[in-house]
C-alpha atoms as a PDB file:
ATOM      1  CA  UNK A   1     204.130 183.570  75.628  1.00  0.00           C
ATOM      2  CA  UNK A   2     203.965 181.150  72.764  1.00  0.00           C
ATOM      3  CA  UNK A   3     200.225 180.923  71.407  1.00  0.00           C
ATOM      4  CA  UNK A   4     200.236 177.068  73.699  1.00  0.00           C
ATOM      5  CA  UNK A   5     201.288 178.823  76.844  1.00  0.00           C
ATOM      6  CA  UNK A   6     197.896 181.131  75.710  1.00  0.00           C
ATOM      7  CA  UNK A   7     195.979 179.061  75.517  1.00  0.00           C
ATOM      8  CA  UNK A   8     196.513 177.454  78.782  1.00  0.00           C
ATOM      9  CA  UNK A   9     196.716 180.177  80.293  1.00  0.00           C
ATOM     10  CA  UNK A  10     193.857 180.961  78.925  1.00  0.00           C
ATOM     11  CA  UNK A  11     191.946 177.398  80.147  1.00  0.00           C
ATOM     12  CA  UNK A  12     192.947 178.331  83.657  1.00  0.00           C
ATOM     13  CA  UNK A  13     192.282 181.763  83.192  1.00  0.00           C
ATOM     14  CA  UNK A  14     188.933 184.077  82.289  1.00  0.00           C
ATOM     15  CA  UNK A  15     188.005 182.148  79.658  1.00  0.00           C
ATOM     16  CA  UNK A  16     186.657 178.794  80.961  1.00  0.00           C
ATOM     17  CA  UNK A  17     187.463 176.478  77.874  1.00  0.00           C
ATOM     18  CA  UNK A  18     190.838 175.140  76.049  1.00  0.00           C
ATOM     19  CA  UNK A  19     190.003 176.890  72.518  1.00  0.00           C
ATOM     20  CA  UNK A  20     191.234 173.261  71.216  1.00  0.00           C
ATOM     21  CA  UNK A  21     188.868 171.828  72.982  1.00  0.00           C
ATOM     22  CA  UNK A  22     186.143 174.590  71.553  1.00  0.00           C
ATOM     23  CA  UNK A  23     186.989 174.258  68.236  1.00  0.00           C
ATOM     24  CA  UNK A  24     187.080 169.908  68.959  1.00  0.00           C
ATOM     25  CA  UNK A  25     183.136 170.106  70.314  1.00  0.00           C
ATOM     26  CA  UNK A  26     181.763 172.412  67.531  1.00  0.00           C
ATOM     27  CA  UNK A  27     182.598 169.759  65.063  1.00  0.00           C
ATOM     28  CA  UNK A  28     180.707 167.519  67.300  1.00  0.00           C
ATOM     29  CA  UNK A  29     177.160 167.166  66.504  1.00  0.00           C
ATOM     30  CA  UNK A  30     177.042 170.040  63.698  1.00  0.00           C
ATOM     31  CA  UNK A  31     173.470 168.890  62.130  1.00  0.00           C
ATOM     32  CA  UNK A  32     171.743 170.226  65.076  1.00  0.00           C
ATOM     33  CA  UNK A  33     173.272 173.951  64.317  1.00  0.00           C
ATOM     34  CA  UNK A  34     173.514 176.443  67.465  1.00  0.00           C
ATOM     35  CA  UNK A  35     172.608 173.797  69.704  1.00  0.00           C
ATOM     36  CA  UNK A  36     175.556 172.930  71.487  1.00  0.00           C
ATOM     37  CA  UNK A  37     176.662 171.386  74.517  1.00  0.00           C
ATOM     38  CA  UNK A  38     176.478 174.646  76.581  1.00  0.00           C
ATOM     39  CA  UNK A  39     172.947 174.361  76.282  1.00  0.00           C
ATOM     40  CA  UNK A  40     171.423 173.835  80.190  1.00  0.00           C
ATOM     41  CA  UNK A  41     167.951 174.023  79.504  1.00  0.00           C
ATOM     42  CA  UNK A  42     165.549 171.016  78.632  1.00  0.00           C
ATOM     43  CA  UNK A  43     164.567 171.555  74.844  1.00  0.00           C
ATOM     44  CA  UNK A  44     161.387 169.417  74.747  1.00  0.00           C
ATOM     45  CA  UNK A  45     160.201 172.164  77.968  1.00  0.00           C
ATOM     46  CA  UNK A  46     161.897 175.213  75.826  1.00  0.00           C
ATOM     47  CA  UNK A  47     159.555 174.542  72.978  1.00  0.00           C
ATOM     48  CA  UNK A  48     156.614 173.681  74.514  1.00  0.00           C
ATOM     49  CA  UNK A  49     156.507 177.182  76.834  1.00  0.00           C
ATOM     50  CA  UNK A  50     158.010 179.233  73.673  1.00  0.00           C
ATOM     51  CA  UNK A  51     154.777 176.889  71.889  1.00  0.00           C
ATOM     52  CA  UNK A  52     152.821 178.243  74.615  1.00  0.00           C
ATOM     53  CA  UNK A  53     153.753 181.988  74.186  1.00  0.00           C
ATOM     54  CA  UNK A  54     153.490 181.811  69.988  1.00  0.00           C
ATOM     55  CA  UNK A  55     149.564 180.767  70.993  1.00  0.00           C
ATOM     56  CA  UNK A  56     149.691 183.593  72.905  1.00  0.00           C
ATOM     57  CA  UNK A  57     151.143 186.429  70.926  1.00  0.00           C
ATOM     58  CA  UNK A  58     148.436 184.943  68.325  1.00  0.00           C
ATOM     59  CA  UNK A  59     145.691 185.261  70.291  1.00  0.00           C
ATOM     60  CA  UNK A  60     146.444 188.862  71.119  1.00  0.00           C
ATOM     61  CA  UNK A  61     147.209 189.501  67.337  1.00  0.00           C
ATOM     62  CA  UNK A  62     143.866 187.856  66.459  1.00  0.00           C
ATOM     63  CA  UNK A  63     142.417 189.927  69.469  1.00  0.00           C
ATOM     64  CA  UNK A  64     143.667 193.523  69.086  1.00  0.00           C
ATOM     65  CA  UNK A  65     142.463 193.286  64.811  1.00  0.00           C
ATOM     66  CA  UNK A  66     139.075 192.201  65.960  1.00  0.00           C
ATOM     67  CA  UNK A  67     138.654 195.342  68.435  1.00  0.00           C
ATOM     68  CA  UNK A  68     140.541 197.200  65.297  1.00  0.00           C
ATOM     69  CA  UNK A  69     137.618 196.431  63.209  1.00  0.00           C
ATOM     70  CA  UNK A  70     134.730 196.567  65.712  1.00  0.00           C
ATOM     71  CA  UNK A  71     135.705 199.908  67.431  1.00  0.00           C
ATOM     72  CA  UNK A  72     132.884 202.649  66.646  1.00  0.00           C
ATOM     73  CA  UNK A  73     132.625 205.869  68.751  1.00  0.00           C
ATOM     74  CA  UNK A  74     133.827 209.473  68.987  1.00  0.00           C
ATOM     75  CA  UNK A  75     136.405 208.455  70.706  1.00  0.00           C
ATOM     76  CA  UNK A  76     137.205 205.193  68.694  1.00  0.00           C
ATOM     77  CA  UNK A  77     139.888 206.120  66.349  1.00  0.00           C
ATOM     78  CA  UNK A  78     142.766 207.029  68.232  1.00  0.00           C
ATOM     79  CA  UNK A  79     141.722 203.835  70.321  1.00  0.00           C
ATOM     80  CA  UNK A  80     141.712 201.908  67.438  1.00  0.00           C
ATOM     81  CA  UNK A  81     145.275 203.473  66.125  1.00  0.00           C
ATOM     82  CA  UNK A  82     146.581 201.423  69.201  1.00  0.00           C
ATOM     83  CA  UNK A  83     144.716 198.251  68.360  1.00  0.00           C
ATOM     84  CA  UNK A  84     146.261 198.180  65.229  1.00  0.00           C
ATOM     85  CA  UNK A  85     149.874 198.989  66.726  1.00  0.00           C
ATOM     86  CA  UNK A  86     149.728 196.640  69.273  1.00  0.00           C
ATOM     87  CA  UNK A  87     148.615 193.855  66.662  1.00  0.00           C
ATOM     88  CA  UNK A  88     151.326 194.542  64.487  1.00  0.00           C
ATOM     89  CA  UNK A  89     153.707 194.253  67.477  1.00  0.00           C
ATOM     90  CA  UNK A  90     152.101 190.922  68.829  1.00  0.00           C
ATOM     91  CA  UNK A  91     152.912 189.247  65.212  1.00  0.00           C
ATOM     92  CA  UNK A  92     155.975 190.617  65.562  1.00  0.00           C
ATOM     93  CA  UNK A  93     156.586 188.551  68.112  1.00  0.00           C
ATOM     94  CA  UNK A  94     155.514 185.565  67.338  1.00  0.00           C
ATOM     95  CA  UNK A  95     157.735 185.640  63.993  1.00  0.00           C
ATOM     96  CA  UNK A  96     160.422 185.996  66.798  1.00  0.00           C
ATOM     97  CA  UNK A  97     159.103 183.352  68.957  1.00  0.00           C
ATOM     98  CA  UNK A  98     158.561 180.808  66.070  1.00  0.00           C
ATOM     99  CA  UNK A  99     162.259 181.883  64.737  1.00  0.00           C
ATOM    100  CA  UNK A 100     163.250 180.736  68.289  1.00  0.00           C
ATOM    101  CA  UNK A 101     161.811 177.316  68.319  1.00  0.00           C
ATOM    102  CA  UNK A 102     163.319 176.367  64.694  1.00  0.00           C
ATOM    103  CA  UNK A 103     166.619 177.249  66.434  1.00  0.00           C
ATOM    104  CA  UNK A 104     166.304 174.987  69.246  1.00  0.00           C
ATOM    105  CA  UNK A 105     165.098 172.406  66.709  1.00  0.00           C
ATOM    106  CA  UNK A 106     161.630 172.658  67.337  1.00  0.00           C
ATOM    107  CA  UNK A 107     158.694 173.093  65.292  1.00  0.00           C
ATOM    108  CA  UNK A 108     156.292 176.471  65.718  1.00  0.00           C
ATOM    109  CA  UNK A 109     152.997 175.093  66.050  1.00  0.00           C
ATOM    110  CA  UNK A 110     150.611 177.387  64.324  1.00  0.00           C
ATOM    111  CA  UNK A 111     147.572 175.041  64.218  1.00  0.00           C
ATOM    112  CA  UNK A 112     144.079 176.686  65.038  1.00  0.00           C
ATOM    113  CA  UNK A 113     143.186 173.141  66.453  1.00  0.00           C
ATOM    114  CA  UNK A 114     144.090 173.853  70.037  1.00  0.00           C
ATOM    115  CA  UNK A 115     145.150 177.864  69.741  1.00  0.00           C
ATOM    116  CA  UNK A 116     143.151 178.752  72.342  1.00  0.00           C
ATOM    117  CA  UNK A 117     144.198 175.880  75.051  1.00  0.00           C
ATOM    118  CA  UNK A 118     147.925 176.553  74.094  1.00  0.00           C
ATOM    119  CA  UNK A 119     147.436 180.001  74.861  1.00  0.00           C
ATOM    120  CA  UNK A 120     147.831 181.841  78.153  1.00  0.00           C
ATOM    121  CA  UNK A 121     145.573 184.773  77.181  1.00  0.00           C
ATOM    122  CA  UNK A 122     141.666 184.439  76.358  1.00  0.00           C
ATOM    123  CA  UNK A 123     140.276 185.458  73.418  1.00  0.00           C
ATOM    124  CA  UNK A 124     137.210 187.996  74.851  1.00  0.00           C
ATOM    125  CA  UNK A 125     135.636 190.217  72.135  1.00  0.00           C
ATOM    126  CA  UNK A 126     133.845 192.393  74.314  1.00  0.00           C
ATOM    127  CA  UNK A 127     130.993 194.731  73.972  1.00  0.00           C
ATOM    128  CA  UNK A 128     132.186 198.219  73.957  1.00  0.00           C
ATOM    129  CA  UNK A 129     134.966 200.062  73.749  1.00  0.00           C
ATOM    130  CA  UNK A 130     135.675 200.197  77.071  1.00  0.00           C
ATOM    131  CA  UNK A 131     135.049 196.479  77.422  1.00  0.00           C
ATOM    132  CA  UNK A 132     137.269 195.757  74.241  1.00  0.00           C
ATOM    133  CA  UNK A 133     140.106 198.305  76.397  1.00  0.00           C
ATOM    134  CA  UNK A 134     139.722 196.237  79.572  1.00  0.00           C
ATOM    135  CA  UNK A 135     140.249 192.764  77.871  1.00  0.00           C
ATOM    136  CA  UNK A 136     143.220 194.135  75.904  1.00  0.00           C
ATOM    137  CA  UNK A 137     144.779 195.197  79.256  1.00  0.00           C
ATOM    138  CA  UNK A 138     143.992 191.765  81.073  1.00  0.00           C
ATOM    139  CA  UNK A 139     145.366 190.082  78.367  1.00  0.00           C
ATOM    140  CA  UNK A 140     148.749 192.229  78.284  1.00  0.00           C
ATOM    141  CA  UNK A 141     148.237 191.721  82.462  1.00  0.00           C
ATOM    142  CA  UNK A 142     148.578 188.190  81.880  1.00  0.00           C
ATOM    143  CA  UNK A 143     151.587 188.333  79.377  1.00  0.00           C
ATOM    144  CA  UNK A 144     153.512 189.892  81.754  1.00  0.00           C
ATOM    145  CA  UNK A 145     152.925 187.329  84.296  1.00  0.00           C
ATOM    146  CA  UNK A 146     153.812 184.453  81.751  1.00  0.00           C
ATOM    147  CA  UNK A 147     156.839 186.102  80.374  1.00  0.00           C
ATOM    148  CA  UNK A 148     158.505 187.259  83.720  1.00  0.00           C
ATOM    149  CA  UNK A 149     157.800 182.872  84.729  1.00  0.00           C
ATOM    150  CA  UNK A 150     159.409 181.906  81.636  1.00  0.00           C
ATOM    151  CA  UNK A 151     162.253 184.977  81.756  1.00  0.00           C
ATOM    152  CA  UNK A 152     163.080 182.759  85.397  1.00  0.00           C
ATOM    153  CA  UNK A 153     162.959 179.232  83.646  1.00  0.00           C
ATOM    154  CA  UNK A 154     165.493 180.425  80.817  1.00  0.00           C
ATOM    155  CA  UNK A 155     167.641 181.993  82.827  1.00  0.00           C
ATOM    156  CA  UNK A 156     171.493 181.527  82.239  1.00  0.00           C
ATOM    157  CA  UNK A 157     170.657 177.799  80.498  1.00  0.00           C
ATOM    158  CA  UNK A 158     169.271 179.748  77.902  1.00  0.00           C
ATOM    159  CA  UNK A 159     170.132 183.534  77.738  1.00  0.00           C
ATOM    160  CA  UNK A 160     169.609 183.552  74.155  1.00  0.00           C
ATOM    161  CA  UNK A 161     165.422 182.928  74.738  1.00  0.00           C
ATOM    162  CA  UNK A 162     165.594 184.732  78.318  1.00  0.00           C
ATOM    163  CA  UNK A 163     166.636 187.872  76.226  1.00  0.00           C
ATOM    164  CA  UNK A 164     164.172 187.466  73.623  1.00  0.00           C
ATOM    165  CA  UNK A 165     161.209 186.934  76.163  1.00  0.00           C
ATOM    166  CA  UNK A 166     163.319 190.003  78.000  1.00  0.00           C
ATOM    167  CA  UNK A 167     162.369 192.111  75.278  1.00  0.00           C
ATOM    168  CA  UNK A 168     158.641 190.655  74.856  1.00  0.00           C
ATOM    169  CA  UNK A 169     157.988 191.001  77.941  1.00  0.00           C
ATOM    170  CA  UNK A 170     159.066 195.075  77.987  1.00  0.00           C
ATOM    171  CA  UNK A 171     157.147 195.910  74.946  1.00  0.00           C
ATOM    172  CA  UNK A 172     154.297 193.808  76.790  1.00  0.00           C
ATOM    173  CA  UNK A 173     154.814 196.085  80.016  1.00  0.00           C
ATOM    174  CA  UNK A 174     154.289 199.073  77.331  1.00  0.00           C
ATOM    175  CA  UNK A 175     150.941 198.061  76.167  1.00  0.00           C
ATOM    176  CA  UNK A 176     149.922 197.491  79.149  1.00  0.00           C
ATOM    177  CA  UNK A 177     150.517 201.314  80.338  1.00  0.00           C
ATOM    178  CA  UNK A 178     148.578 202.025  76.928  1.00  0.00           C
ATOM    179  CA  UNK A 179     145.807 200.041  77.499  1.00  0.00           C
ATOM    180  CA  UNK A 180     145.550 201.445  80.944  1.00  0.00           C
ATOM    181  CA  UNK A 181     146.127 205.214  79.660  1.00  0.00           C
ATOM    182  CA  UNK A 182     143.237 204.199  77.122  1.00  0.00           C
ATOM    183  CA  UNK A 183     141.063 203.199  79.858  1.00  0.00           C
ATOM    184  CA  UNK A 184     141.318 206.194  81.994  1.00  0.00           C
ATOM    185  CA  UNK A 185     141.078 208.281  78.982  1.00  0.00           C
ATOM    186  CA  UNK A 186     137.830 206.609  77.534  1.00  0.00           C
ATOM    187  CA  UNK A 187     135.896 205.423  80.402  1.00  0.00           C
ATOM    188  CA  UNK A 188     136.937 209.043  82.413  1.00  0.00           C
ATOM    189  CA  UNK A 189     137.496 207.010  85.337  1.00  0.00           C
ATOM    190  CA  UNK A 190     141.145 207.603  87.480  1.00  0.00           C
END
């Protein structure tokens, strides 16, 4: 089988695109970087959703940091460590989302004005350690629902964003479990 025969075979077989056609298309619109004709999601909507996720992560970073510095009492040391760890992980999520937004040709919206209106979660300080844990748990539950919907939105049309969000979603589920465990330990209720 010659190289040309192989390419024709592949075009009709398991590989969907003729190699020469693939090469030709790759040279078109090279200024768009990673964005090729194969991208199947509305980029404007994708960037909007990812900027909402970015705002959500930033609000979570700020809330967890506030709780880290405000937590007091006999039970607070272990809880504070958890707050700080979660704040750092939420910052990593924000960085990942910002990077993906730029890959899609958008701009991460880091403007503090309107951050709370773009965020899916709220910034609630809480008056006690138990209140702080509850507010963080509520925010994690909101993130879980939001990211689950975003994963469905991106689906097969943008597998890169979908996988990133699935990884973040798994971490948010872990955070929710951590907060539920802390709440039981600090509040003493099953």
